[in-house]
N, C-alpha and C. Protein backbone atom coordinates (compact mmCIF):
# COMPACT_ATOMS: atom_id res chain seq x y z
N MET A 1 20.83 -2.21 -2.97
CA MET A 1 19.90 -1.67 -3.35
C MET A 1 18.37 -1.68 -2.88
N ALA A 2 17.67 -0.50 -2.90
CA ALA A 2 16.39 -0.24 -2.09
C ALA A 2 15.48 -0.60 -2.93
N LEU A 3 14.32 -1.19 -2.48
CA LEU A 3 13.18 -1.25 -3.45
C LEU A 3 12.46 -0.16 -3.00
N ARG A 4 11.81 0.89 -3.93
CA ARG A 4 11.03 2.04 -3.79
C ARG A 4 9.55 1.61 -4.35
N VAL A 5 8.64 1.64 -3.09
CA VAL A 5 7.28 1.55 -3.38
C VAL A 5 6.67 2.34 -3.27
N LEU A 6 5.30 2.43 -4.16
CA LEU A 6 4.09 3.68 -4.05
C LEU A 6 2.93 2.76 -3.81
N GLY A 7 2.44 3.29 -2.23
CA GLY A 7 1.27 2.88 -1.80
C GLY A 7 0.38 3.80 -1.53
N ILE A 8 -0.69 3.29 -1.98
CA ILE A 8 -2.07 4.00 -2.15
C ILE A 8 -3.31 3.56 -1.25
N ASP A 9 -3.69 4.36 -0.50
CA ASP A 9 -4.56 4.23 0.30
C ASP A 9 -5.94 4.75 -0.61
N PRO A 10 -6.35 4.38 -1.21
CA PRO A 10 -7.46 4.58 -2.22
C PRO A 10 -8.75 5.32 -1.77
N GLY A 11 -9.61 6.25 -2.73
CA GLY A 11 -10.41 6.90 -2.01
C GLY A 11 -10.84 8.59 -2.63
N LEU A 12 -11.88 8.57 -2.96
CA LEU A 12 -12.58 10.13 -3.86
C LEU A 12 -12.09 11.05 -3.14
N THR A 13 -12.56 11.33 -1.91
CA THR A 13 -12.51 12.52 -0.98
C THR A 13 -10.98 12.24 -0.84
N ARG A 14 -10.50 11.42 0.04
CA ARG A 14 -9.04 11.54 0.37
C ARG A 14 -8.41 10.10 0.03
N CYS A 15 -7.02 10.26 -1.03
CA CYS A 15 -6.34 9.12 -1.54
C CYS A 15 -5.02 9.49 -0.96
N GLY A 16 -4.67 8.48 -0.09
CA GLY A 16 -3.47 8.44 0.58
C GLY A 16 -2.33 8.06 -0.19
N VAL A 17 -1.61 8.91 -0.55
CA VAL A 17 -0.34 8.46 -1.21
C VAL A 17 1.03 7.88 -0.52
N GLY A 18 1.78 7.32 -0.47
CA GLY A 18 3.14 7.12 -0.23
C GLY A 18 4.53 6.26 -0.44
N ILE A 19 5.67 6.98 -0.48
CA ILE A 19 6.65 6.16 -1.00
C ILE A 19 7.67 5.94 0.02
N VAL A 20 7.80 5.06 -0.09
CA VAL A 20 9.36 4.37 0.59
C VAL A 20 10.54 3.65 0.36
N ASP A 21 11.46 3.47 0.43
CA ASP A 21 12.70 2.93 -0.07
C ASP A 21 13.04 1.86 0.93
N VAL A 22 13.20 0.97 0.64
CA VAL A 22 13.11 -0.31 1.68
C VAL A 22 14.53 -1.06 1.13
N GLN A 23 15.43 -1.24 2.29
CA GLN A 23 16.46 -1.67 1.62
C GLN A 23 16.39 -3.52 1.82
N PRO A 24 17.22 -3.93 1.77
CA PRO A 24 17.51 -5.54 1.72
C PRO A 24 17.18 -6.34 3.13
N ASN A 25 17.90 -5.04 4.14
CA ASN A 25 17.93 -5.66 5.75
C ASN A 25 16.54 -5.49 6.30
N ARG A 26 15.18 -4.65 5.47
CA ARG A 26 14.04 -4.43 5.68
C ARG A 26 14.14 -2.95 6.56
N SER A 27 15.47 -2.30 6.55
CA SER A 27 15.35 -1.13 7.12
C SER A 27 14.59 0.08 6.10
N ALA A 28 13.70 0.91 6.27
CA ALA A 28 13.04 1.46 5.23
C ALA A 28 13.34 3.57 5.89
N ARG A 29 13.14 3.90 4.54
CA ARG A 29 13.71 5.58 4.69
C ARG A 29 12.06 5.75 3.85
N LEU A 30 11.40 7.25 4.60
CA LEU A 30 10.35 8.16 4.03
C LEU A 30 10.88 8.50 2.70
N VAL A 31 10.11 8.57 1.29
CA VAL A 31 10.64 9.27 0.21
C VAL A 31 9.71 10.72 0.21
N HIS A 32 8.37 10.26 0.14
CA HIS A 32 7.32 11.17 -0.39
C HIS A 32 5.72 10.66 0.70
N VAL A 33 5.15 11.05 1.37
CA VAL A 33 3.54 11.12 1.77
C VAL A 33 3.04 12.29 1.53
N SER A 34 1.84 12.02 0.95
CA SER A 34 1.02 13.30 0.98
C SER A 34 -0.44 12.65 1.10
N VAL A 35 -1.87 13.35 0.65
CA VAL A 35 -3.01 13.09 0.03
C VAL A 35 -3.70 13.72 -1.06
N ILE A 36 -4.22 12.95 -1.80
CA ILE A 36 -4.57 13.70 -3.29
C ILE A 36 -6.19 13.93 -3.06
N ARG A 37 -6.52 15.08 -2.73
CA ARG A 37 -8.21 15.16 -2.24
C ARG A 37 -8.79 15.86 -3.02
N THR A 38 -9.93 15.52 -3.44
CA THR A 38 -11.04 16.10 -4.51
C THR A 38 -12.26 16.41 -3.82
N PRO A 39 -13.07 17.26 -4.18
CA PRO A 39 -14.35 17.54 -3.53
C PRO A 39 -15.56 17.07 -4.12
N PRO A 40 -16.55 16.75 -3.08
CA PRO A 40 -17.68 16.13 -3.26
C PRO A 40 -18.37 16.63 -4.49
N GLU A 41 -18.31 17.71 -4.81
CA GLU A 41 -19.16 18.42 -5.56
C GLU A 41 -18.91 18.69 -7.05
N LEU A 42 -18.16 17.99 -6.95
CA LEU A 42 -16.64 17.96 -8.63
C LEU A 42 -18.13 16.48 -9.20
N ALA A 43 -17.94 16.56 -10.61
CA ALA A 43 -18.20 15.38 -11.16
C ALA A 43 -17.17 14.12 -10.90
N LEU A 44 -18.08 13.02 -10.69
CA LEU A 44 -17.08 11.68 -10.52
C LEU A 44 -15.87 11.75 -11.66
N GLU A 45 -16.34 12.00 -12.93
CA GLU A 45 -15.04 11.60 -13.97
C GLU A 45 -14.11 13.08 -13.65
N GLU A 46 -14.16 13.89 -13.30
CA GLU A 46 -13.41 14.85 -12.94
C GLU A 46 -12.26 14.81 -11.69
N ARG A 47 -13.07 14.00 -10.75
CA ARG A 47 -12.54 13.27 -9.42
C ARG A 47 -11.00 12.74 -10.08
N LEU A 48 -11.95 11.73 -10.74
CA LEU A 48 -11.12 10.12 -10.98
C LEU A 48 -10.09 11.11 -11.96
N LEU A 49 -10.19 11.94 -12.47
CA LEU A 49 -8.91 12.67 -13.49
C LEU A 49 -8.09 13.42 -12.68
N ALA A 50 -8.48 13.71 -11.88
CA ALA A 50 -7.67 14.31 -10.81
C ALA A 50 -6.74 13.54 -9.90
N ILE A 51 -7.21 12.38 -9.29
CA ILE A 51 -6.91 11.63 -8.84
C ILE A 51 -5.61 10.74 -9.65
N GLY A 52 -6.30 10.46 -10.63
CA GLY A 52 -5.22 9.53 -11.95
C GLY A 52 -3.76 10.45 -11.87
N THR A 53 -4.15 12.01 -12.45
CA THR A 53 -3.15 13.45 -12.61
C THR A 53 -2.21 12.97 -11.81
N GLY A 54 -2.62 13.02 -10.26
CA GLY A 54 -1.99 13.27 -9.09
C GLY A 54 -1.08 11.84 -8.81
N ILE A 55 -1.52 10.63 -9.15
CA ILE A 55 -0.94 9.69 -9.37
C ILE A 55 0.58 9.37 -10.21
N ALA A 56 -0.07 9.66 -11.29
CA ALA A 56 0.76 9.64 -12.62
C ALA A 56 1.86 10.55 -12.40
N ALA A 57 1.59 11.91 -11.77
CA ALA A 57 2.64 12.57 -11.36
C ALA A 57 3.86 12.13 -10.36
N LEU A 58 3.15 11.11 -9.62
CA LEU A 58 4.23 10.75 -8.44
C LEU A 58 4.87 9.64 -9.29
N LEU A 59 4.61 8.79 -10.15
CA LEU A 59 5.19 8.07 -10.64
C LEU A 59 6.25 8.75 -11.32
N ASP A 60 5.82 9.26 -12.35
CA ASP A 60 6.94 9.64 -12.96
C ASP A 60 8.00 10.79 -12.29
N GLU A 61 7.54 10.92 -11.07
CA GLU A 61 8.56 11.83 -10.38
C GLU A 61 9.36 11.44 -9.82
N PHE A 62 8.70 10.35 -8.71
CA PHE A 62 9.71 9.14 -7.79
C PHE A 62 9.99 8.08 -8.59
N GLU A 63 9.57 7.77 -9.80
CA GLU A 63 9.90 6.14 -10.46
C GLU A 63 10.26 5.06 -9.14
N PRO A 64 8.76 5.00 -8.80
CA PRO A 64 9.10 3.61 -7.98
C PRO A 64 8.98 2.26 -8.62
N ARG A 65 8.91 0.96 -8.28
CA ARG A 65 9.51 -0.09 -8.64
C ARG A 65 8.13 -0.93 -8.62
N ALA A 66 7.16 -0.53 -7.74
CA ALA A 66 6.07 -1.13 -7.68
C ALA A 66 5.20 -0.44 -7.18
N VAL A 67 3.58 -0.91 -7.34
CA VAL A 67 2.53 -0.11 -6.70
C VAL A 67 2.14 -0.69 -5.80
N ALA A 68 1.38 -0.86 -4.61
CA ALA A 68 0.73 -1.47 -3.18
C ALA A 68 -0.51 -0.59 -3.44
N LEU A 69 -1.57 -1.33 -3.40
CA LEU A 69 -3.12 -0.64 -3.36
C LEU A 69 -3.49 -1.89 -2.21
N GLU A 70 -4.44 -1.25 -1.21
CA GLU A 70 -5.48 -1.69 -0.30
C GLU A 70 -6.67 -2.37 -1.19
N ARG A 71 -6.87 -3.78 -1.01
CA ARG A 71 -7.80 -4.48 -1.76
C ARG A 71 -9.26 -4.30 -1.34
N VAL A 72 -9.73 -4.03 -2.27
CA VAL A 72 -11.06 -3.57 -1.90
C VAL A 72 -12.22 -4.95 -1.66
N PHE A 73 -12.88 -4.88 -0.50
CA PHE A 73 -14.21 -5.45 -0.09
C PHE A 73 -15.40 -4.68 0.46
N ALA A 74 -16.29 -5.56 -0.16
CA ALA A 74 -17.58 -5.01 -0.07
C ALA A 74 -17.86 -4.28 1.56
N GLN A 75 -18.54 -3.47 1.31
CA GLN A 75 -18.76 -3.00 2.70
C GLN A 75 -20.77 -2.39 2.96
N HIS A 76 -21.03 -2.16 3.95
CA HIS A 76 -22.52 -1.76 3.79
C HIS A 76 -22.37 -0.83 2.82
N ASN A 77 -21.45 0.28 3.06
CA ASN A 77 -21.97 1.63 2.27
C ASN A 77 -21.59 1.17 0.88
N VAL A 78 -22.35 0.99 -0.24
CA VAL A 78 -22.45 0.92 -1.43
C VAL A 78 -21.32 1.59 -2.21
N ARG A 79 -21.62 3.15 -1.82
CA ARG A 79 -20.94 4.08 -2.52
C ARG A 79 -19.79 4.23 -1.76
N THR A 80 -19.47 3.86 -0.94
CA THR A 80 -18.10 3.89 -0.37
C THR A 80 -17.16 3.52 -0.87
N VAL A 81 -17.59 2.18 -1.09
CA VAL A 81 -16.70 1.10 -1.93
C VAL A 81 -16.60 1.36 -3.39
N MET A 82 -17.58 1.58 -4.40
CA MET A 82 -18.08 2.13 -5.42
C MET A 82 -16.56 3.40 -6.10
N GLY A 83 -16.95 4.16 -5.07
CA GLY A 83 -15.86 5.28 -5.07
C GLY A 83 -14.14 4.64 -4.70
N THR A 84 -14.17 3.74 -3.91
CA THR A 84 -12.41 3.51 -3.45
C THR A 84 -12.50 2.29 -4.98
N ALA A 85 -13.23 1.57 -5.08
CA ALA A 85 -13.02 0.89 -6.42
C ALA A 85 -12.57 1.66 -7.51
N GLN A 86 -13.18 2.71 -7.96
CA GLN A 86 -12.58 3.62 -9.01
C GLN A 86 -11.40 4.12 -9.02
N ALA A 87 -11.45 4.28 -7.42
CA ALA A 87 -10.12 5.22 -7.51
C ALA A 87 -8.89 4.06 -7.57
N SER A 88 -9.10 2.81 -7.23
CA SER A 88 -8.34 1.77 -7.11
C SER A 88 -8.10 1.57 -9.02
N GLY A 89 -9.23 1.33 -9.48
CA GLY A 89 -9.06 1.15 -11.00
C GLY A 89 -8.16 2.20 -11.36
N VAL A 90 -8.13 3.69 -11.35
CA VAL A 90 -7.49 4.70 -11.44
C VAL A 90 -6.16 4.48 -11.70
N ALA A 91 -5.58 4.34 -10.26
CA ALA A 91 -4.04 3.80 -9.69
C ALA A 91 -3.71 2.64 -10.67
N MET A 92 -4.36 1.59 -10.75
CA MET A 92 -3.66 0.73 -11.30
C MET A 92 -3.58 1.25 -12.80
N HIS A 93 -4.59 1.69 -13.39
CA HIS A 93 -4.38 1.85 -15.28
C HIS A 93 -2.80 2.78 -15.21
N ALA A 94 -2.81 3.93 -13.97
CA ALA A 94 -1.49 4.31 -13.73
C ALA A 94 -0.33 3.50 -13.72
N ALA A 95 -0.43 2.38 -12.92
CA ALA A 95 0.91 1.97 -13.09
C ALA A 95 0.86 0.72 -14.06
N ALA A 96 -0.07 0.24 -14.52
CA ALA A 96 0.02 -0.44 -16.05
C ALA A 96 0.44 -0.13 -16.87
N ALA A 97 0.05 1.12 -17.22
CA ALA A 97 0.76 2.36 -18.28
C ALA A 97 1.88 2.46 -18.27
N ARG A 98 2.83 2.06 -17.04
CA ARG A 98 4.35 2.23 -16.82
C ARG A 98 4.69 1.21 -16.69
N GLY A 99 4.12 0.08 -16.95
CA GLY A 99 4.97 -1.66 -16.63
C GLY A 99 5.41 -1.61 -15.36
N LEU A 100 4.72 -1.01 -14.57
CA LEU A 100 5.07 -1.50 -12.95
C LEU A 100 4.16 -2.31 -12.59
N PRO A 101 4.71 -3.48 -11.54
CA PRO A 101 3.69 -4.47 -10.91
C PRO A 101 3.00 -3.72 -9.76
N VAL A 102 1.58 -4.17 -9.65
CA VAL A 102 0.47 -3.40 -8.67
C VAL A 102 0.05 -4.56 -7.71
N GLY A 103 0.79 -4.73 -6.19
CA GLY A 103 -0.01 -5.51 -4.95
C GLY A 103 -0.75 -4.93 -4.88
N LEU A 104 -2.38 -6.10 -4.40
CA LEU A 104 -3.47 -5.89 -3.44
C LEU A 104 -3.36 -6.59 -2.26
N HIS A 105 -3.17 -5.97 -1.65
CA HIS A 105 -3.11 -6.26 0.40
C HIS A 105 -4.22 -6.06 1.05
N THR A 106 -5.09 -6.56 2.05
CA THR A 106 -6.27 -6.86 2.66
C THR A 106 -5.69 -5.83 3.88
N PRO A 107 -6.43 -4.80 4.53
CA PRO A 107 -6.33 -4.13 5.59
C PRO A 107 -5.58 -5.21 7.00
N SER A 108 -5.96 -6.42 6.99
CA SER A 108 -5.46 -6.99 7.92
C SER A 108 -3.99 -7.51 7.50
N GLU A 109 -3.80 -7.74 5.96
CA GLU A 109 -2.62 -8.01 5.71
C GLU A 109 -1.76 -7.18 5.97
N VAL A 110 -1.73 -6.01 6.18
CA VAL A 110 -1.21 -4.51 5.70
C VAL A 110 -1.18 -4.12 7.60
N LYS A 111 -1.86 -4.75 7.99
CA LYS A 111 -1.82 -4.22 9.82
C LYS A 111 -0.96 -5.58 10.44
N ALA A 112 -0.74 -6.74 10.10
CA ALA A 112 0.14 -7.78 10.55
C ALA A 112 1.25 -7.54 10.28
N ALA A 113 1.22 -7.14 9.10
CA ALA A 113 3.25 -6.99 8.45
C ALA A 113 3.60 -5.77 9.28
N VAL A 114 3.07 -4.74 9.32
CA VAL A 114 3.19 -3.72 9.78
C VAL A 114 3.37 -3.93 11.37
N THR A 115 2.71 -4.25 12.01
CA THR A 115 2.07 -4.20 13.33
C THR A 115 2.66 -5.50 14.38
N GLY A 116 2.43 -6.62 13.25
CA GLY A 116 2.59 -8.15 13.82
C GLY A 116 1.21 -8.62 14.40
N TYR A 117 0.23 -7.49 14.63
CA TYR A 117 -1.37 -8.08 14.37
C TYR A 117 -1.94 -7.57 14.15
N GLY A 118 -3.08 -8.70 13.14
CA GLY A 118 -3.91 -8.40 12.36
C GLY A 118 -5.18 -7.71 12.44
N ALA A 119 -5.15 -7.28 13.75
CA ALA A 119 -6.40 -6.72 14.54
C ALA A 119 -6.27 -5.23 14.93
N ALA A 120 -4.91 -4.76 14.68
CA ALA A 120 -4.43 -3.41 15.09
C ALA A 120 -5.38 -2.40 14.60
N ASP A 121 -5.21 -1.51 15.64
CA ASP A 121 -6.38 0.00 15.26
C ASP A 121 -5.26 0.91 14.10
N LYS A 122 -5.82 1.83 13.67
CA LYS A 122 -5.09 2.95 12.82
C LYS A 122 -4.02 3.47 13.91
N ARG A 123 -4.58 3.84 15.11
CA ARG A 123 -3.44 4.58 15.95
C ARG A 123 -1.94 3.61 16.48
N GLN A 124 -2.37 2.51 16.00
CA GLN A 124 -1.02 1.10 15.96
C GLN A 124 -0.61 1.13 15.03
N VAL A 125 -1.27 1.36 13.88
CA VAL A 125 -0.41 1.39 12.61
C VAL A 125 0.16 2.53 12.28
N ALA A 126 -0.32 3.58 12.58
CA ALA A 126 0.43 4.90 12.41
C ALA A 126 1.98 4.90 13.52
N ALA A 127 1.42 4.48 14.74
CA ALA A 127 2.52 4.75 15.51
C ALA A 127 4.08 3.55 15.09
N MET A 128 3.27 2.57 14.53
CA MET A 128 4.51 1.62 13.98
C MET A 128 5.32 2.42 12.67
N VAL A 129 4.20 2.89 12.06
CA VAL A 129 4.92 3.79 10.56
C VAL A 129 5.94 4.52 10.96
N GLN A 130 5.52 5.13 12.20
CA GLN A 130 6.41 6.43 12.50
C GLN A 130 7.62 5.77 13.17
N ARG A 131 7.14 4.84 13.87
CA ARG A 131 8.73 3.95 14.54
C ARG A 131 9.62 3.50 13.11
N VAL A 132 9.02 2.72 12.28
CA VAL A 132 9.76 2.41 11.30
C VAL A 132 10.67 3.28 10.95
N LEU A 133 9.90 4.32 10.07
CA LEU A 133 10.39 5.49 9.47
C LEU A 133 11.41 6.32 10.13
N GLY A 134 11.65 6.26 11.52
CA GLY A 134 11.74 6.93 12.33
C GLY A 134 11.71 8.72 12.04
N LEU A 135 10.49 8.73 12.20
CA LEU A 135 9.54 10.07 12.19
C LEU A 135 9.26 10.80 13.21
N ASP A 136 9.50 11.84 13.38
CA ASP A 136 8.85 12.83 14.71
C ASP A 136 7.74 12.49 15.20
N ALA A 137 6.62 12.44 14.19
CA ALA A 137 5.24 11.95 14.57
C ALA A 137 4.94 11.12 13.89
N PRO A 138 3.52 10.76 13.87
CA PRO A 138 2.88 9.89 13.11
C PRO A 138 2.35 10.51 11.90
N PRO A 139 2.05 10.08 10.89
CA PRO A 139 1.85 10.88 9.50
C PRO A 139 0.10 10.79 9.70
N THR A 140 -0.18 12.27 9.39
CA THR A 140 -1.59 12.39 9.33
C THR A 140 -1.93 12.68 7.71
N PRO A 141 -3.34 13.04 7.59
CA PRO A 141 -4.19 12.28 8.39
C PRO A 141 -4.16 10.53 8.49
N ALA A 142 -4.97 9.70 8.57
CA ALA A 142 -4.80 8.29 8.37
C ALA A 142 -4.72 7.32 6.71
N ASP A 143 -4.98 8.28 6.07
CA ASP A 143 -5.14 8.35 4.49
C ASP A 143 -3.12 7.92 4.66
N ALA A 144 -2.65 9.07 4.64
CA ALA A 144 -1.29 9.03 4.64
C ALA A 144 -0.33 7.89 4.76
N SER A 145 -0.76 7.58 6.82
CA SER A 145 -0.27 6.67 7.25
C SER A 145 -0.40 5.06 6.70
N ASP A 146 -1.76 4.90 6.06
CA ASP A 146 -2.21 3.59 5.60
C ASP A 146 -1.43 3.51 4.58
N ALA A 147 -1.50 4.69 3.57
CA ALA A 147 -0.34 4.22 2.66
C ALA A 147 0.56 3.75 2.37
N LEU A 148 1.46 4.57 3.58
CA LEU A 148 2.75 4.24 3.84
C LEU A 148 2.77 2.90 4.21
N ALA A 149 1.86 2.59 5.05
CA ALA A 149 1.98 1.06 5.82
C ALA A 149 1.84 0.28 4.74
N LEU A 150 0.89 0.67 3.49
CA LEU A 150 1.27 -0.46 2.28
C LEU A 150 1.86 -0.49 1.81
N ALA A 151 2.80 0.51 1.55
CA ALA A 151 4.17 0.49 1.07
C ALA A 151 5.07 -0.36 1.67
N LEU A 152 4.90 -0.56 2.68
CA LEU A 152 6.01 -1.32 3.77
C LEU A 152 5.58 -2.63 3.92
N CYS A 153 4.16 -3.03 3.76
CA CYS A 153 3.64 -4.50 3.46
C CYS A 153 4.33 -4.62 2.48
N HIS A 154 4.03 -3.94 1.25
CA HIS A 154 4.46 -4.62 0.17
C HIS A 154 5.62 -5.30 0.08
N ALA A 155 6.69 -3.80 0.28
CA ALA A 155 7.96 -4.03 0.05
C ALA A 155 8.71 -5.56 1.00
N TRP A 156 8.13 -5.80 2.33
CA TRP A 156 8.62 -6.95 3.30
C TRP A 156 7.93 -7.99 2.83
N ARG A 157 6.69 -7.75 2.20
CA ARG A 157 5.99 -9.24 1.50
C ARG A 157 6.97 -9.70 0.39
N THR A 158 7.11 -8.86 -0.40
CA THR A 158 7.59 -9.36 -1.86
C THR A 158 9.41 -9.59 -1.64
N GLY A 159 9.88 -9.08 -0.69
CA GLY A 159 11.27 -8.83 -0.61
C GLY A 159 11.87 -7.94 -1.55
N PRO A 160 13.56 -7.68 -1.64
CA PRO A 160 14.28 -7.29 -2.39
C PRO A 160 14.07 -7.11 -4.05
N PRO A 161 15.01 -6.31 -4.39
CA PRO A 161 15.06 -6.45 -5.82
C PRO A 161 15.98 -8.00 -5.46
N ALA A 162 15.63 -8.86 -7.01
CA ALA A 162 16.86 -9.99 -7.23
C ALA A 162 18.41 -9.62 -7.21
N SER A 163 18.73 -8.41 -7.66
CA SER A 163 19.86 -7.75 -7.61
C SER A 163 20.57 -6.97 -6.59
N SER A 164 19.78 -7.11 -5.62
CA SER A 164 20.16 -6.46 -4.38
C SER A 164 20.46 -7.00 -3.15
N THR A 165 20.28 -8.21 -3.28
CA THR A 165 20.70 -9.87 -2.20
C THR A 165 21.94 -10.42 -2.90
N SER A 166 22.89 -10.69 -1.63
CA SER A 166 23.79 -11.43 -2.01
C SER A 166 23.45 -13.03 -2.42
N ARG A 167 22.36 -13.42 -1.91
CA ARG A 167 22.38 -14.69 -2.29
C ARG A 167 21.15 -14.66 -3.41
N PRO A 168 21.83 -15.54 -4.43
CA PRO A 168 20.92 -15.78 -5.41
C PRO A 168 19.43 -16.72 -5.54
N ASP A 169 19.46 -17.25 -4.63
CA ASP A 169 18.44 -18.16 -3.91
C ASP A 169 17.58 -17.36 -3.16
N ALA A 170 17.83 -16.19 -2.72
CA ALA A 170 16.75 -16.09 -1.90
C ALA A 170 15.30 -15.53 -2.42
N SER A 171 14.24 -15.75 -1.49
CA SER A 171 12.78 -15.75 -2.19
C SER A 171 11.97 -15.08 -1.37
N PRO A 172 11.25 -14.49 -1.81
CA PRO A 172 10.29 -13.54 -0.59
C PRO A 172 10.23 -14.21 0.83
N GLU A 173 10.21 -15.46 0.56
CA GLU A 173 9.67 -15.91 2.23
C GLU A 173 10.83 -15.97 2.93
N THR A 174 12.02 -15.92 2.32
CA THR A 174 13.46 -15.41 3.49
C THR A 174 13.44 -14.16 4.04
N VAL A 175 12.75 -13.34 3.90
CA VAL A 175 13.03 -11.97 4.38
C VAL A 175 11.28 -11.81 4.77
N LEU A 176 10.98 -12.45 5.04
CA LEU A 176 9.27 -12.41 6.02
C LEU A 176 10.11 -12.57 7.61
N THR A 177 9.33 -11.56 8.45
CA THR A 177 9.42 -11.93 9.96
C THR A 177 8.62 -12.93 10.29
N PRO A 178 8.79 -13.39 11.57
CA PRO A 178 7.65 -14.77 11.59
C PRO A 178 6.70 -14.11 11.79
N ALA A 179 6.06 -13.26 12.11
CA ALA A 179 4.44 -13.00 11.90
C ALA A 179 4.23 -13.03 10.63
N GLN A 180 4.93 -12.41 9.57
CA GLN A 180 4.88 -12.35 8.20
C GLN A 180 4.66 -14.00 7.52
N ARG A 181 5.44 -14.43 8.21
CA ARG A 181 5.25 -15.88 7.62
C ARG A 181 4.22 -16.68 8.25
N ALA A 182 3.66 -16.40 9.60
CA ALA A 182 2.81 -17.05 10.07
C ALA A 182 1.21 -16.73 9.36
N TRP A 183 1.45 -15.33 8.91
CA TRP A 183 0.06 -14.77 8.19
C TRP A 183 0.36 -15.37 6.82
N ARG A 184 1.37 -15.68 6.16
CA ARG A 184 0.89 -16.26 4.69
C ARG A 184 0.75 -17.56 5.10
N GLU A 185 1.02 -18.41 5.71
CA GLU A 185 0.57 -19.82 6.12
C GLU A 185 -0.91 -20.27 6.28
N ALA A 186 -1.28 -19.05 6.89
CA ALA A 186 -2.74 -19.03 7.33
C ALA A 186 -3.50 -18.39 6.09
N GLU A 187 -2.60 -17.47 5.31
CA GLU A 187 -3.75 -17.28 3.88
C GLU A 187 -3.71 -18.28 3.16
N LYS A 188 -2.75 -19.20 3.05
CA LYS A 188 -2.77 -20.63 2.47
C LYS A 188 -4.04 -21.40 3.01
N SER A 189 -4.18 -21.81 3.98
CA SER A 189 -4.66 -22.42 4.49
C SER A 189 -6.34 -22.38 4.89
N VAL A 190 -6.71 -20.81 4.47
CA VAL A 190 -8.03 -20.85 4.62
C VAL A 190 -8.95 -20.40 2.61
N ALA A 191 -9.54 -21.25 2.47
CA ALA A 191 -10.29 -20.79 1.20
C ALA A 191 -10.80 -19.80 1.31
N PRO A 192 -10.56 -18.84 0.17
CA PRO A 192 -11.01 -17.43 0.10
C PRO A 192 -12.90 -17.95 -0.08
N ARG A 193 -13.57 -16.93 0.32
CA ARG A 193 -15.04 -16.73 0.62
C ARG A 193 -15.82 -15.74 -0.56
N ARG A 194 -16.86 -16.68 -1.11
CA ARG A 194 -17.20 -15.88 -2.18
C ARG A 194 -18.88 -14.81 -1.39
N LEU A 195 -19.17 -14.21 -2.08
CA LEU A 195 -19.80 -12.58 -1.92
C LEU A 195 -21.41 -13.68 -2.21
N ALA A 196 -22.63 -13.41 -1.58
CA ALA A 196 -23.57 -13.54 -1.68
C ALA A 196 -24.36 -12.97 -2.65
N PRO A 197 -24.78 -13.56 -3.65
CA PRO A 197 -25.27 -12.48 -4.89
C PRO A 197 -26.08 -11.75 -4.15
C-alpha cells in the first residue's frame, strides 16, 4: 500500500503544494502539484485564509496520510521568514484539524534525501524530482518542485505504512538509502544551535 504525502513549500506569495504516492519499494507517483498564490496587496489575514482554504481543499480531496513542511529558519529578511512561518502555521493547523501527522524537514535534509547531496541547488533538486516521478519536464515554478521534494523526503525518511510491508519488524531506518542513513547519523551527532537573542 502506498503512502500518500502532501508536501508544502510555505510562502505568502507562492505556496507550493505537491502530493505523491510512495510505494514500499520507494517508487513514487505524482498525484497533484500546484501553487497557491496570493497577491501582496491583500490584507495578511485574507492571504492566510486563502492559503488555508487551498490546503484544506487538497487535504479533503486527496486524503494524504501525512503532511511534510519545510522547517523555517531565521533569515536576514525578517518579513520573509515571518510570512513563511505564518503560512506554515496555517498548514499545520489544517493538518492537525484532520488528525494528520506533520513532518518538518530542513532544506539540506530534503536535498540530501532527493539528490544525495545536502548542498544541491534548486535545478538539481528539480531534475531529480522529475526523474523519480517520471515526469516529462521538471516541475515549475521552484515552489512546486520543492513541495514534491518535501513529500518524497518525508515518505522516504518515515518509511511505508506498517500495514504495507511484509516485515513486521521493519522500521523507518530499514528503508533509507545509504545517503539518507549517513544524513540521519550526522543529525544525531550534531547538537542543535541556538539563535542569539
